[in-house]
Structure formats: structure tokens, C-alpha cells
């Protein structure tokens, strides 16, 4: 690879046992390769999915790549983004001293993702019928209050764009509230219809569990649940990835650290302050 050639783009995702998730990653990689001039590769964080970061970097290095820009294909800046991805890349960099690395930020609250989410919701929810309809935005959940707070912001910002005047959010696990709680309290407040949207990037088992729990709670409480799906492997997601890549290449990759548990003594998480960037504790959020 010549010095003026674009760096390789390495997309790092969580990993899933859902075969649909693997196929969706392949689709996203095709979209990226059609839009990016350099090599495009991927890695998974979980040990049950291959390749991991070491193998992916090794393959790129063997192909003659000398510069890599990594972008975490993650929705929020939680433990994977703050600990697992940086640690994995640091180990890969140490094993390949002749390769230069730059690292981007998570996709987070990229405007292209909101445009895609609105289209997903419009497909199952006629704008004229949203009075009294509750929009429920879901995510996997984390022990990191900063990441969990971002879902609350996603929900509010998305409702501003869709015109919903009733919005809530729920998590698949680790923290609260769960989707069955949200549907139950919406029903108690008079809702008869809910639109569910998952702020997730690729198909996964957690998303399926959340959708099933929402349908069951809706049946129990008399609430019709329309599933608007997730973000998925779409051109707008590829646009967000390439924007994060461009930020990293330009040296302008910024994280929102104002409320990070590694900087701010949040209740119950004070021990994280000033810990190394790879020093997540994995402690559960106190209910």
C-alpha cells in the first residue's frame, strides 16, 4: 500500500449468534466497499464470532495494509466502546508496530440514523393517527449511565421528528425500565397502540426478545404493538460509518465525555473515576 492510498477501514461490531446479524454485516460491508476507496474489513468483539480484532488486523497486515482506521459499529459509548474495543486495538497495534492506527467514535446519535429511524416508523405508523399512540424506543442496556442517558435523548429527539407527543424508552437488560413495564404503564395511562423501534444496528437475539416481550405485554394490557424494526444495514448507516471514518482520518474523532462515569463521580459508580480507559467494572446499575 502506498502512503497516499486510503487507509483500510475496519468496522468493529459486538457479535451475534443470530445468523441474520452475520448476513446483515455482509450487506453493510458491501455498501461500504461501494462507497470507500480503500480496503474494508470487519471484526467482532465476542469470542463466539469470527474474526476477532487480532485476526482481522493480521489479515489486513498480511495484505500489505500499513494504515487502519477503526470504527466501532456500536450504537452508544458504553463498556464495549470505552473498554473492549480500545483494548483490542491496543493489543493489535502492539503486535503490528509497522501499522498506523486511527480510531473513530461510535455511530451514536448521527443524523443519518434519525432519518432512517423516522422512515422505519412512518412505514408502520400513519402520521395522521399518532394522537394517543406511544412511541417506545429500545436498546440493549448498559451499566453506563452515560450510554443509557443517550437512549433517553434518542427517544425524545426521535419523537420531535415524528410528531409523537407520547414517547418512552426501554432496555433489554442490565438496567431499567424493561419493555413490559413500559407497555403496562402506557396502558394504565390510556394508550391503546404502541410503536416499537429498536435503536440497534444489526439483527440480534436481544432485539427479538424485546419485541416478543412487548407483544406479550400488549396482549395482556390491551395495547396493539406495531414493530418498526431497527436501523439495519442500509445506505444511511453506511453514510454514518464513513462520516466517523472521515473524522478519525482528519484527527477530529470526538467523544461526548461530559457525563462519562470515568470522569464524573456518579452515584454508585464513584470507583470508576480516573480508572484507565480500559477499566470498566461491569457492575450492575442499582435499581
C-alpha atoms as a PDB file:
ATOM      1  CA  UNK A   1       0.000   0.000   0.000  1.00  0.00           C
ATOM      2  CA  UNK A   2       1.364   3.436  -0.955  1.00  0.00           C
ATOM      3  CA  UNK A   3       1.400   6.328   1.502  1.00  0.00           C
ATOM      4  CA  UNK A   4      -1.218   8.239  -0.488  1.00  0.00           C
ATOM      5  CA  UNK A   5      -3.650   5.297  -0.634  1.00  0.00           C
ATOM      6  CA  UNK A   6      -6.700   5.466   1.643  1.00  0.00           C
ATOM      7  CA  UNK A   7      -6.279   3.621   4.941  1.00  0.00           C
ATOM      8  CA  UNK A   8      -8.116   0.375   5.455  1.00  0.00           C
ATOM      9  CA  UNK A   9     -11.472   0.719   7.193  1.00  0.00           C
ATOM     10  CA  UNK A  10     -12.026  -1.792   9.997  1.00  0.00           C
ATOM     11  CA  UNK A  11     -15.594  -1.977  11.305  1.00  0.00           C
ATOM     12  CA  UNK A  12     -15.783  -3.488  14.801  1.00  0.00           C
ATOM     13  CA  UNK A  13     -19.151  -4.824  15.965  1.00  0.00           C
ATOM     14  CA  UNK A  14     -20.462  -6.545  19.062  1.00  0.00           C
ATOM     15  CA  UNK A  15     -21.020 -10.016  17.626  1.00  0.00           C
ATOM     16  CA  UNK A  16     -24.185 -12.085  17.481  1.00  0.00           C
ATOM     17  CA  UNK A  17     -25.319 -15.690  17.416  1.00  0.00           C
ATOM     18  CA  UNK A  18     -28.160 -14.628  15.133  1.00  0.00           C
ATOM     19  CA  UNK A  19     -27.376 -15.736  11.563  1.00  0.00           C
ATOM     20  CA  UNK A  20     -29.336 -12.738  10.271  1.00  0.00           C
ATOM     21  CA  UNK A  21     -26.846 -10.471  12.052  1.00  0.00           C
ATOM     22  CA  UNK A  22     -23.952 -12.025  10.147  1.00  0.00           C
ATOM     23  CA  UNK A  23     -25.760 -11.633   6.852  1.00  0.00           C
ATOM     24  CA  UNK A  24     -26.569  -8.026   7.638  1.00  0.00           C
ATOM     25  CA  UNK A  25     -22.917  -7.328   8.370  1.00  0.00           C
ATOM     26  CA  UNK A  26     -22.031  -8.738   4.940  1.00  0.00           C
ATOM     27  CA  UNK A  27     -24.611  -6.437   3.355  1.00  0.00           C
ATOM     28  CA  UNK A  28     -23.238  -3.415   5.200  1.00  0.00           C
ATOM     29  CA  UNK A  29     -19.690  -4.266   4.129  1.00  0.00           C
ATOM     30  CA  UNK A  30     -20.852  -4.387   0.504  1.00  0.00           C
ATOM     31  CA  UNK A  31     -22.411  -0.940   0.904  1.00  0.00           C
ATOM     32  CA  UNK A  32     -19.183   0.410   2.392  1.00  0.00           C
ATOM     33  CA  UNK A  33     -16.979  -1.107  -0.308  1.00  0.00           C
ATOM     34  CA  UNK A  34     -19.125   0.536  -2.969  1.00  0.00           C
ATOM     35  CA  UNK A  35     -18.539   3.914  -1.309  1.00  0.00           C
ATOM     36  CA  UNK A  36     -14.991   3.733   0.061  1.00  0.00           C
ATOM     37  CA  UNK A  37     -11.796   3.634  -1.996  1.00  0.00           C
ATOM     38  CA  UNK A  38      -9.682   1.679   0.495  1.00  0.00           C
ATOM     39  CA  UNK A  39      -9.910  -1.894   1.814  1.00  0.00           C
ATOM     40  CA  UNK A  40     -12.889  -2.610   4.087  1.00  0.00           C
ATOM     41  CA  UNK A  41     -12.861  -5.343   6.755  1.00  0.00           C
ATOM     42  CA  UNK A  42     -14.749  -6.217   9.904  1.00  0.00           C
ATOM     43  CA  UNK A  43     -14.159  -7.740  13.325  1.00  0.00           C
ATOM     44  CA  UNK A  44     -16.379  -8.982  16.161  1.00  0.00           C
ATOM     45  CA  UNK A  45     -15.854  -8.411  19.866  1.00  0.00           C
ATOM     46  CA  UNK A  46     -17.447 -11.598  21.176  1.00  0.00           C
ATOM     47  CA  UNK A  47     -15.306 -14.744  21.159  1.00  0.00           C
ATOM     48  CA  UNK A  48     -18.042 -16.838  19.528  1.00  0.00           C
ATOM     49  CA  UNK A  49     -17.927 -14.711  16.353  1.00  0.00           C
ATOM     50  CA  UNK A  50     -15.008 -14.555  13.920  1.00  0.00           C
ATOM     51  CA  UNK A  51     -12.829 -12.836  13.030  1.00  0.00           C
ATOM     52  CA  UNK A  52     -11.877 -11.077  16.244  1.00  0.00           C
ATOM     53  CA  UNK A  53      -9.808  -7.908  16.205  1.00  0.00           C
ATOM     54  CA  UNK A  54      -6.392  -9.695  16.246  1.00  0.00           C
ATOM     55  CA  UNK A  55      -7.278 -11.920  13.276  1.00  0.00           C
ATOM     56  CA  UNK A  56      -8.839  -9.079  11.291  1.00  0.00           C
ATOM     57  CA  UNK A  57      -5.782  -6.863  11.765  1.00  0.00           C
ATOM     58  CA  UNK A  58      -3.465  -9.763  10.927  1.00  0.00           C
ATOM     59  CA  UNK A  59      -5.301 -10.344   7.654  1.00  0.00           C
ATOM     60  CA  UNK A  60      -5.033  -6.675   6.715  1.00  0.00           C
ATOM     61  CA  UNK A  61      -1.342  -6.563   7.590  1.00  0.00           C
ATOM     62  CA  UNK A  62      -0.641  -9.671   5.503  1.00  0.00           C
ATOM     63  CA  UNK A  63      -2.383  -7.936   2.593  1.00  0.00           C
ATOM     64  CA  UNK A  64       0.101  -5.077   2.845  1.00  0.00           C
ATOM     65  CA  UNK A  65      -2.028  -2.585   4.753  1.00  0.00           C
ATOM     66  CA  UNK A  66       0.055  -0.082   6.745  1.00  0.00           C
ATOM     67  CA  UNK A  67      -2.733   2.241   7.934  1.00  0.00           C
ATOM     68  CA  UNK A  68      -6.015   1.256   9.573  1.00  0.00           C
ATOM     69  CA  UNK A  69      -8.958   3.393  10.643  1.00  0.00           C
ATOM     70  CA  UNK A  70     -11.273   1.534  13.012  1.00  0.00           C
ATOM     71  CA  UNK A  71     -14.906   2.497  13.545  1.00  0.00           C
ATOM     72  CA  UNK A  72     -16.960   0.811  16.288  1.00  0.00           C
ATOM     73  CA  UNK A  73     -20.284  -0.301  14.834  1.00  0.00           C
ATOM     74  CA  UNK A  74     -21.931   0.378  18.172  1.00  0.00           C
ATOM     75  CA  UNK A  75     -24.999   2.432  18.988  1.00  0.00           C
ATOM     76  CA  UNK A  76     -23.731   4.032  22.204  1.00  0.00           C
ATOM     77  CA  UNK A  77     -20.500   4.692  24.050  1.00  0.00           C
ATOM     78  CA  UNK A  78     -20.833   2.070  26.777  1.00  0.00           C
ATOM     79  CA  UNK A  79     -18.384  -0.555  28.045  1.00  0.00           C
ATOM     80  CA  UNK A  80     -17.618  -2.109  24.678  1.00  0.00           C
ATOM     81  CA  UNK A  81     -16.729   1.281  23.204  1.00  0.00           C
ATOM     82  CA  UNK A  82     -14.812   2.551  26.228  1.00  0.00           C
ATOM     83  CA  UNK A  83     -13.013  -0.654  27.184  1.00  0.00           C
ATOM     84  CA  UNK A  84     -13.202  -3.679  24.887  1.00  0.00           C
ATOM     85  CA  UNK A  85     -12.597  -2.049  21.502  1.00  0.00           C
ATOM     86  CA  UNK A  86      -9.689   0.181  22.690  1.00  0.00           C
ATOM     87  CA  UNK A  87      -8.060  -2.729  24.500  1.00  0.00           C
ATOM     88  CA  UNK A  88      -8.359  -4.977  21.464  1.00  0.00           C
ATOM     89  CA  UNK A  89      -6.945  -2.348  19.144  1.00  0.00           C
ATOM     90  CA  UNK A  90      -4.097  -1.544  21.532  1.00  0.00           C
ATOM     91  CA  UNK A  91      -3.092  -5.211  21.567  1.00  0.00           C
ATOM     92  CA  UNK A  92      -3.284  -5.376  17.777  1.00  0.00           C
ATOM     93  CA  UNK A  93      -1.166  -2.237  17.458  1.00  0.00           C
ATOM     94  CA  UNK A  94       1.469  -3.702  19.765  1.00  0.00           C
ATOM     95  CA  UNK A  95       1.565  -6.856  17.635  1.00  0.00           C
ATOM     96  CA  UNK A  96       1.919  -4.826  14.427  1.00  0.00           C
ATOM     97  CA  UNK A  97       4.270  -1.903  15.127  1.00  0.00           C
ATOM     98  CA  UNK A  98       4.571  -1.124  11.410  1.00  0.00           C
ATOM     99  CA  UNK A  99       0.826  -0.430  11.112  1.00  0.00           C
ATOM    100  CA  UNK A 100      -0.550   3.015  11.990  1.00  0.00           C
ATOM    101  CA  UNK A 101      -3.944   3.091  13.694  1.00  0.00           C
ATOM    102  CA  UNK A 102      -6.615   5.793  13.976  1.00  0.00           C
ATOM    103  CA  UNK A 103      -9.839   5.183  15.860  1.00  0.00           C
ATOM    104  CA  UNK A 104     -13.294   6.680  15.317  1.00  0.00           C
ATOM    105  CA  UNK A 105     -16.208   7.124  17.663  1.00  0.00           C
ATOM    106  CA  UNK A 106     -19.411   5.097  17.894  1.00  0.00           C
ATOM    107  CA  UNK A 107     -22.232   5.880  15.483  1.00  0.00           C
ATOM    108  CA  UNK A 108     -24.287   7.225  18.373  1.00  0.00           C
ATOM    109  CA  UNK A 109     -26.776   9.951  17.518  1.00  0.00           C
ATOM    110  CA  UNK A 110     -25.742  10.509  13.909  1.00  0.00           C
ATOM    111  CA  UNK A 111     -28.344  12.496  11.909  1.00  0.00           C
ATOM    112  CA  UNK A 112     -28.485   9.840   9.186  1.00  0.00           C
ATOM    113  CA  UNK A 113     -29.659   7.288  11.745  1.00  0.00           C
ATOM    114  CA  UNK A 114     -32.541   9.527  12.794  1.00  0.00           C
ATOM    115  CA  UNK A 115     -33.591   9.921   9.155  1.00  0.00           C
ATOM    116  CA  UNK A 116     -33.623   6.138   8.780  1.00  0.00           C
ATOM    117  CA  UNK A 117     -35.485   5.631  12.065  1.00  0.00           C
ATOM    118  CA  UNK A 118     -38.201   8.102  11.026  1.00  0.00           C
ATOM    119  CA  UNK A 119     -38.669   6.223   7.759  1.00  0.00           C
ATOM    120  CA  UNK A 120     -38.993   2.932   9.644  1.00  0.00           C
ATOM    121  CA  UNK A 121     -41.618   4.404  11.965  1.00  0.00           C
ATOM    122  CA  UNK A 122     -43.552   6.050   9.116  1.00  0.00           C
ATOM    123  CA  UNK A 123     -43.813   2.632   7.454  1.00  0.00           C
ATOM    124  CA  UNK A 124     -45.930   1.229  10.318  1.00  0.00           C
ATOM    125  CA  UNK A 125     -47.466   4.360  11.813  1.00  0.00           C
ATOM    126  CA  UNK A 126     -49.548   6.748   9.676  1.00  0.00           C
ATOM    127  CA  UNK A 127     -48.671  10.302  10.795  1.00  0.00           C
ATOM    128  CA  UNK A 128     -52.356  11.228  10.950  1.00  0.00           C
ATOM    129  CA  UNK A 129     -53.055   8.561  13.559  1.00  0.00           C
ATOM    130  CA  UNK A 130     -50.452   9.331  16.199  1.00  0.00           C
ATOM    131  CA  UNK A 131     -52.662  11.046  18.749  1.00  0.00           C
ATOM    132  CA  UNK A 132     -52.697   8.775  21.767  1.00  0.00           C
ATOM    133  CA  UNK A 133     -50.072   6.483  20.246  1.00  0.00           C
ATOM    134  CA  UNK A 134     -46.958   5.890  22.352  1.00  0.00           C
ATOM    135  CA  UNK A 135     -43.567   5.592  20.695  1.00  0.00           C
ATOM    136  CA  UNK A 136     -41.282   3.166  22.568  1.00  0.00           C
ATOM    137  CA  UNK A 137     -37.583   3.253  21.657  1.00  0.00           C
ATOM    138  CA  UNK A 138     -35.465   0.350  22.875  1.00  0.00           C
ATOM    139  CA  UNK A 139     -31.800  -0.620  23.201  1.00  0.00           C
ATOM    140  CA  UNK A 140     -29.769  -3.395  24.784  1.00  0.00           C
ATOM    141  CA  UNK A 141     -28.991  -1.620  28.084  1.00  0.00           C
ATOM    142  CA  UNK A 142     -25.770  -0.942  29.947  1.00  0.00           C
ATOM    143  CA  UNK A 143     -24.282  -0.324  33.376  1.00  0.00           C
ATOM    144  CA  UNK A 144     -23.028   3.001  31.991  1.00  0.00           C
ATOM    145  CA  UNK A 145     -25.467   5.848  32.830  1.00  0.00           C
ATOM    146  CA  UNK A 146     -23.992   7.991  30.055  1.00  0.00           C
ATOM    147  CA  UNK A 147     -24.951   5.425  27.403  1.00  0.00           C
ATOM    148  CA  UNK A 148     -28.365   4.831  28.968  1.00  0.00           C
ATOM    149  CA  UNK A 149     -28.971   8.570  29.018  1.00  0.00           C
ATOM    150  CA  UNK A 150     -28.244   8.700  25.302  1.00  0.00           C
ATOM    151  CA  UNK A 151     -31.193   6.391  24.642  1.00  0.00           C
ATOM    152  CA  UNK A 152     -33.449   8.833  26.507  1.00  0.00           C
ATOM    153  CA  UNK A 153     -32.125  11.587  24.237  1.00  0.00           C
ATOM    154  CA  UNK A 154     -32.668   9.413  21.158  1.00  0.00           C
ATOM    155  CA  UNK A 155     -36.276   8.812  22.192  1.00  0.00           C
ATOM    156  CA  UNK A 156     -37.031  12.478  22.762  1.00  0.00           C
ATOM    157  CA  UNK A 157     -35.226  13.661  19.619  1.00  0.00           C
ATOM    158  CA  UNK A 158     -36.911  10.989  17.510  1.00  0.00           C
ATOM    159  CA  UNK A 159     -40.341  11.961  18.854  1.00  0.00           C
ATOM    160  CA  UNK A 160     -39.629  15.585  17.944  1.00  0.00           C
ATOM    161  CA  UNK A 161     -39.101  14.410  14.367  1.00  0.00           C
ATOM    162  CA  UNK A 162     -42.053  12.022  14.114  1.00  0.00           C
ATOM    163  CA  UNK A 163     -44.579  14.242  15.847  1.00  0.00           C
ATOM    164  CA  UNK A 164     -45.309  11.784  18.648  1.00  0.00           C
ATOM    165  CA  UNK A 165     -46.295  13.598  21.818  1.00  0.00           C
ATOM    166  CA  UNK A 166     -46.046  10.444  23.870  1.00  0.00           C
ATOM    167  CA  UNK A 167     -42.681   8.692  23.978  1.00  0.00           C
ATOM    168  CA  UNK A 168     -40.887   6.312  26.309  1.00  0.00           C
ATOM    169  CA  UNK A 169     -37.817   4.089  26.182  1.00  0.00           C
ATOM    170  CA  UNK A 170     -36.875   0.639  27.444  1.00  0.00           C
ATOM    171  CA  UNK A 171     -33.876  -1.675  27.720  1.00  0.00           C
ATOM    172  CA  UNK A 172     -33.403  -5.366  27.006  1.00  0.00           C
ATOM    173  CA  UNK A 173     -31.447  -5.943  30.209  1.00  0.00           C
ATOM    174  CA  UNK A 174     -28.893  -4.774  32.793  1.00  0.00           C
ATOM    175  CA  UNK A 175     -30.852  -1.638  33.681  1.00  0.00           C
ATOM    176  CA  UNK A 176     -34.424  -0.289  33.814  1.00  0.00           C
ATOM    177  CA  UNK A 177     -37.107   0.040  32.594  1.00  0.00           C
ATOM    178  CA  UNK A 178     -37.876  -3.158  30.711  1.00  0.00           C
ATOM    179  CA  UNK A 179     -40.297  -3.044  27.817  1.00  0.00           C
ATOM    180  CA  UNK A 180     -43.078  -4.957  29.598  1.00  0.00           C
ATOM    181  CA  UNK A 181     -43.043  -2.311  32.352  1.00  0.00           C
ATOM    182  CA  UNK A 182     -43.257   0.479  29.791  1.00  0.00           C
ATOM    183  CA  UNK A 183     -46.154  -1.111  27.900  1.00  0.00           C
ATOM    184  CA  UNK A 184     -48.021  -1.796  31.159  1.00  0.00           C
ATOM    185  CA  UNK A 185     -47.760   1.773  32.409  1.00  0.00           C
ATOM    186  CA  UNK A 186     -48.658   3.153  28.980  1.00  0.00           C
ATOM    187  CA  UNK A 187     -51.800   1.020  29.048  1.00  0.00           C
ATOM    188  CA  UNK A 188     -52.612   2.263  32.552  1.00  0.00           C
ATOM    189  CA  UNK A 189     -52.336   5.821  31.233  1.00  0.00           C
ATOM    190  CA  UNK A 190     -54.786   5.073  28.422  1.00  0.00           C
ATOM    191  CA  UNK A 191     -52.648   4.004  25.471  1.00  0.00           C
ATOM    192  CA  UNK A 192     -54.197   1.543  23.068  1.00  0.00           C
ATOM    193  CA  UNK A 193     -51.410   1.461  20.490  1.00  0.00           C
ATOM    194  CA  UNK A 194     -47.617   1.443  20.751  1.00  0.00           C
ATOM    195  CA  UNK A 195     -44.953   1.701  18.067  1.00  0.00           C
ATOM    196  CA  UNK A 196     -41.736  -0.126  18.948  1.00  0.00           C
ATOM    197  CA  UNK A 197     -38.414   0.885  17.432  1.00  0.00           C
ATOM    198  CA  UNK A 198     -35.045  -0.660  18.299  1.00  0.00           C
ATOM    199  CA  UNK A 199     -32.046   1.686  18.187  1.00  0.00           C
ATOM    200  CA  UNK A 200     -29.824  -1.207  17.151  1.00  0.00           C
ATOM    201  CA  UNK A 201     -27.643  -1.731  14.119  1.00  0.00           C
ATOM    202  CA  UNK A 202     -27.716  -5.442  13.262  1.00  0.00           C
ATOM    203  CA  UNK A 203     -30.134  -8.283  13.934  1.00  0.00           C
ATOM    204  CA  UNK A 204     -29.679  -9.935  17.317  1.00  0.00           C
ATOM    205  CA  UNK A 205     -31.390 -12.185  19.814  1.00  0.00           C
ATOM    206  CA  UNK A 206     -31.875  -9.400  22.387  1.00  0.00           C
ATOM    207  CA  UNK A 207     -33.910  -7.379  19.924  1.00  0.00           C
ATOM    208  CA  UNK A 208     -36.130 -10.387  19.248  1.00  0.00           C
ATOM    209  CA  UNK A 209     -36.650 -10.961  22.978  1.00  0.00           C
ATOM    210  CA  UNK A 210     -37.659  -7.322  23.464  1.00  0.00           C
ATOM    211  CA  UNK A 211     -40.154  -7.434  20.590  1.00  0.00           C
ATOM    212  CA  UNK A 212     -41.672 -10.656  21.943  1.00  0.00           C
ATOM    213  CA  UNK A 213     -41.942  -9.197  25.452  1.00  0.00           C
ATOM    214  CA  UNK A 214     -43.635  -6.076  24.049  1.00  0.00           C
ATOM    215  CA  UNK A 215     -46.180  -8.150  22.126  1.00  0.00           C
ATOM    216  CA  UNK A 216     -46.936 -10.274  25.190  1.00  0.00           C
ATOM    217  CA  UNK A 217     -47.355  -7.220  27.429  1.00  0.00           C
ATOM    218  CA  UNK A 218     -49.541  -5.589  24.790  1.00  0.00           C
ATOM    219  CA  UNK A 219     -51.800  -8.648  24.642  1.00  0.00           C
ATOM    220  CA  UNK A 220     -52.091  -8.689  28.439  1.00  0.00           C
ATOM    221  CA  UNK A 221     -52.927  -4.992  28.707  1.00  0.00           C
ATOM    222  CA  UNK A 222     -54.972  -4.375  25.569  1.00  0.00           C
ATOM    223  CA  UNK A 223     -52.300  -2.426  23.676  1.00  0.00           C
ATOM    224  CA  UNK A 224     -51.733  -3.023  19.969  1.00  0.00           C
ATOM    225  CA  UNK A 225     -47.979  -3.142  19.275  1.00  0.00           C
ATOM    226  CA  UNK A 226     -46.558  -2.253  15.855  1.00  0.00           C
ATOM    227  CA  UNK A 227     -42.897  -3.203  15.399  1.00  0.00           C
ATOM    228  CA  UNK A 228     -40.967  -0.660  13.300  1.00  0.00           C
ATOM    229  CA  UNK A 229     -37.819  -2.794  13.414  1.00  0.00           C
ATOM    230  CA  UNK A 230     -34.274  -1.491  13.772  1.00  0.00           C
ATOM    231  CA  UNK A 231     -31.743   0.533  11.811  1.00  0.00           C
ATOM    232  CA  UNK A 232     -30.220  -2.370   9.861  1.00  0.00           C
ATOM    233  CA  UNK A 233     -27.684  -2.483   7.002  1.00  0.00           C
ATOM    234  CA  UNK A 234     -28.848   0.500   4.962  1.00  0.00           C
ATOM    235  CA  UNK A 235     -27.083   3.186   2.902  1.00  0.00           C
ATOM    236  CA  UNK A 236     -27.750   5.738   5.663  1.00  0.00           C
ATOM    237  CA  UNK A 237     -25.921   3.517   8.169  1.00  0.00           C
ATOM    238  CA  UNK A 238     -23.012   3.239   5.739  1.00  0.00           C
ATOM    239  CA  UNK A 239     -23.052   7.046   5.484  1.00  0.00           C
ATOM    240  CA  UNK A 240     -22.737   7.314   9.268  1.00  0.00           C
ATOM    241  CA  UNK A 241     -19.837   4.831   9.332  1.00  0.00           C
ATOM    242  CA  UNK A 242     -17.975   6.752   6.639  1.00  0.00           C
ATOM    243  CA  UNK A 243     -18.527  10.038   8.461  1.00  0.00           C
ATOM    244  CA  UNK A 244     -16.957   8.555  11.593  1.00  0.00           C
ATOM    245  CA  UNK A 245     -14.111   7.228   9.451  1.00  0.00           C
ATOM    246  CA  UNK A 246     -13.514  10.672   7.933  1.00  0.00           C
ATOM    247  CA  UNK A 247     -13.462  12.249  11.402  1.00  0.00           C
ATOM    248  CA  UNK A 248     -10.791   9.813  12.534  1.00  0.00           C
ATOM    249  CA  UNK A 249      -8.659  10.353   9.423  1.00  0.00           C
ATOM    250  CA  UNK A 250      -8.866  14.119   9.975  1.00  0.00           C
ATOM    251  CA  UNK A 251      -7.974  13.750  13.657  1.00  0.00           C
ATOM    252  CA  UNK A 252     -11.372  15.033  14.726  1.00  0.00           C
ATOM    253  CA  UNK A 253     -12.872  11.983  16.425  1.00  0.00           C
ATOM    254  CA  UNK A 254     -14.665  13.310  19.491  1.00  0.00           C
ATOM    255  CA  UNK A 255     -16.422  11.518  22.292  1.00  0.00           C
ATOM    256  CA  UNK A 256     -19.110  13.013  24.494  1.00  0.00           C
ATOM    257  CA  UNK A 257     -17.316  12.727  27.831  1.00  0.00           C
ATOM    258  CA  UNK A 258     -19.221  15.330  29.852  1.00  0.00           C
ATOM    259  CA  UNK A 259     -21.095  12.658  31.836  1.00  0.00           C
ATOM    260  CA  UNK A 260     -18.710   9.716  31.485  1.00  0.00           C
ATOM    261  CA  UNK A 261     -18.504   7.554  34.615  1.00  0.00           C
ATOM    262  CA  UNK A 262     -14.714   7.550  34.238  1.00  0.00           C
ATOM    263  CA  UNK A 263     -14.703  11.343  34.738  1.00  0.00           C
ATOM    264  CA  UNK A 264     -17.742  12.171  36.878  1.00  0.00           C
ATOM    265  CA  UNK A 265     -18.448  10.579  40.302  1.00  0.00           C
ATOM    266  CA  UNK A 266     -21.911   9.230  39.518  1.00  0.00           C
ATOM    267  CA  UNK A 267     -23.888   7.702  42.417  1.00  0.00           C
ATOM    268  CA  UNK A 268     -22.900   4.089  42.922  1.00  0.00           C
ATOM    269  CA  UNK A 269     -20.103   4.279  40.341  1.00  0.00           C
ATOM    270  CA  UNK A 270     -17.633   6.536  42.137  1.00  0.00           C
ATOM    271  CA  UNK A 271     -14.935   3.850  41.937  1.00  0.00           C
ATOM    272  CA  UNK A 272     -14.720   4.279  38.167  1.00  0.00           C
ATOM    273  CA  UNK A 273     -13.450   7.859  38.300  1.00  0.00           C
ATOM    274  CA  UNK A 274      -9.875   8.140  36.949  1.00  0.00           C
ATOM    275  CA  UNK A 275      -9.771   4.429  36.110  1.00  0.00           C
ATOM    276  CA  UNK A 276      -7.875   3.601  32.898  1.00  0.00           C
ATOM    277  CA  UNK A 277      -9.902   3.872  29.708  1.00  0.00           C
ATOM    278  CA  UNK A 278      -9.998   0.093  29.623  1.00  0.00           C
ATOM    279  CA  UNK A 279     -11.043  -0.171  33.247  1.00  0.00           C
ATOM    280  CA  UNK A 280     -14.777  -0.862  33.193  1.00  0.00           C
ATOM    281  CA  UNK A 281     -16.039  -2.776  36.213  1.00  0.00           C
ATOM    282  CA  UNK A 282     -19.106  -4.363  34.674  1.00  0.00           C
ATOM    283  CA  UNK A 283     -21.091  -3.527  37.825  1.00  0.00           C
ATOM    284  CA  UNK A 284     -24.871  -3.515  37.501  1.00  0.00           C
ATOM    285  CA  UNK A 285     -26.835  -0.321  37.809  1.00  0.00           C
ATOM    286  CA  UNK A 286     -28.591  -0.161  41.154  1.00  0.00           C
ATOM    287  CA  UNK A 287     -32.379  -0.338  40.794  1.00  0.00           C
END
